[in-house]
Amino acid sequence: MTNAVGTVKRLLTGFSARLARITSWAGPYATLVQMLVLGLVVLSLSRIFLVAWQWDRVNATHILGELFVQGVRADLILLGYFIAIPVLLAPFFAHKFSTGLWRGFNLLWATLALVFVIFMELSSPPFIMQFDVRPNRLFIEYLSYPKEVFATLWNGFRLALILGVGFTVLLGALIYVLLSSASRSASTWSSKKLLLLWPLVFVVVFLQIRSTTDHRPANPALFALTGDALVNSLIINSGWSVFDALISINREANSSEIYGAVARDKIFEQVKATPWLSEYQFESKDFPTLHHQEAAIKRDKPLNLVIVLEESLGATFVESLGGLPVTPELEKLKDEGWWFEQLYATGTRSVRGIEAVISGYPPTPARSVVKLSLAQRNFYTLALGLGKQGYHTEFVYGGEAHFDNMRGFFTGNGFQQVVDRSDIKNPVFEGSWGASDEDLFNKSLERLKELHADNKPFFSLIFSSSNHEPFQFPDGRIDLHDTEKQTVNNAVKYADYALGKFISEAKKQDYWKDTVFLIVADHDNRVYGDSLVPIKKFHIPGLILGADIQPKRITTLASQIDLGATLLSLMGISSDHPMIGRDFAKDSDTPGRAIMQFDNYFAWLEGSSATILRPRQTPLLGQYDSAKGELILGQDKPSDAQIEKAMAHVMLPSLLYREQRYKLSK
């Protein structure tokens, strides 16, 4: 042990001496140059590891050399941000009379910067395993919920968490010792030399960060060199990816403008020309998409509505949709109602699924409106609209409803009651995300019976959580699909088991004949693949049943934003609303479309043709083979008509949000 410690000390001493020699020319900036060198080493080693790990996908792109060259360029940009602040302070503090203060600040600053770099790189493999891309805005959003995130990490990634924190602390201490030793011999400059050379240093750092002489400075989109989003993310580094996400969040009100500009009138003209909207009258100047939808089915008494939003239940887990045979209960139910065979989620997060299903709201590159400040009051939801029709509306969740700002969004936008973990007494099982799906559905059955007894129409949104990392569920409920218990396949099978029990019990109740049930996923469990937009992982199941709903297969391409309008029509509700989705009760044969947001890419899918919008780059045209789940990007460009449709539909929600026009009235 003593010999090992001695060896480490000698290595550190030797390396710090070399580092001091090669940076001696930098004078008061020596520590910053040392940080630059160490940062490039750390980021390059991390990139080498990630490339080796994902070798098959990297090799398929044939850009290995360019990946590393452009990677160094991206690393220089990140490290340039850290260098910039000390450089700006140098004219005031880098003089001989304040040498101690200057060196101390630079040592601390450089150490913290490198610790951040190391932490982000060590965080990358677990994040990639979950989201198939480097840490991005999702990383930031999850940090807002430390309790849930820590529980997930501890139960699902305990070893990675311990090793990651341990290595970060250890390497941080080693870096501090190394920099401390290397900076002791750093020379100082005279005040005259410092001030004369400072403008040159400033320009060099400015160019390092800008990294291009083009009209716009470099940004992560500039490094999107392939059709594989994961490989593109390996080119940059995780620190810059997160910094860029922070900037994007601050600019979220104008988020869709990253794809270009479209005249306001052109946006509405394109959207309203959609076949299923062309017959409606849009008479409000203040609310451009507000229109009156006449229900396709006339009823003396409108039906109740129950939406079961299933966590991460993609087509991946539905055998008849090309997935694994782990949802036998759903497979049994699909022949009892309207079964959507080509339904696609709009995004990769629960809140994105919520805004699409509950509000019929299309996706944008910004955060979901569930979290955005201007959407917290009087933003249209089915609950808000049904509340005006005399419905009791509520949200039922097995976890803590404040997660992802759900409670705030729901209570401000029409949900009259929220039932969550605190209302579920003595659950049979509780995991990191709250009470099990069985407990959730038992509570829901209790609530539905009470609501029915009140003799008042009701809308209940039920959101499951058992199929969420770290995949915890009670023993003895299912025959495991995988040998190891806590896997996604077993969790899905348990969630399906709980869902089957719920529907079976609901069928026995008096309210079944008066209630429409929608079972739909919020998104798939992991969105990954070697496509710029992995469309296959947006494919989800959707089933409408209950009341007098007759069995039907809907093979037309559909989006989550179509479900709201369809449900209202089936319920017999004629109403005003701003949703631009399609009413499948009126027309299920006209060719459809799906819209998807993946990181900063937007996909407009019509038939097998996919128009891909990219930030500050020309759109791409691809062909999607739904049977194989493959998106093939060709050399042809999308037509002007395709681009205009896609642009209009991604610009519309940003415009409506920014101007607060997705409402029923003032």
Foldseek 3Di string as FASTA:
>chain_A
DVVVVVVVVVVLLVVLQVLLVVQQVVFLCSLLVSLLVVQLVLLLVLLVVVCVVVVVLLVVFVCVVVLSVLQSLQSLQLSLVLSQVLLVCCLPAQAPVRPVVSLVVSLVSSLVSVLVQLLQSLVAPVVCVFAVARDALVVVQVVVPVLLVVQLCCLAVVVSVVVSVVVSVVVSVSSSVSSVSNCPPRHGDHSVVSVVCSVVVNVVSVCSNQVDPDPGRDALLVQCPGQFNRSSRSSHGRVRNHVVNVVLQVVVLQQLCLLPDDDPVLLLVLLCPPVQNVVWDQDDPLFRLKTWDFFPDADPAFFAEEEEAEEQFFCLDPVVLPHNPQQVLVVVCQQFFEKENAEFEAEADLLSLCCCQFALFHDALYDRLLQDDLQQAQFEGVLQFVVVVFAQEEEFEQADCPRVPNVRNQVRHRHVYYHYNVNQPPAPDAGSRGGALLSRLVVVVVVVVVRVVVVTHYYYYYYHDCLARQNDDDPDQDDAPDPDCRDNSNSSSVNSSSVSVSVVVVVVDPSQQRYKYKYWYSFHRYQGDRGSHQRLRRHIIITIHTRPGGNDYQHANAYSSQNSLQSCSVSNHIGIFSNSHHNVSVPRDPHDWYWYDYNNWIWIDTQQWIWIRHRPDAIWIWGADSVVSDTGTDPDGDDPSVVSSRSSSNSVSSVCSSSVNRHNDD
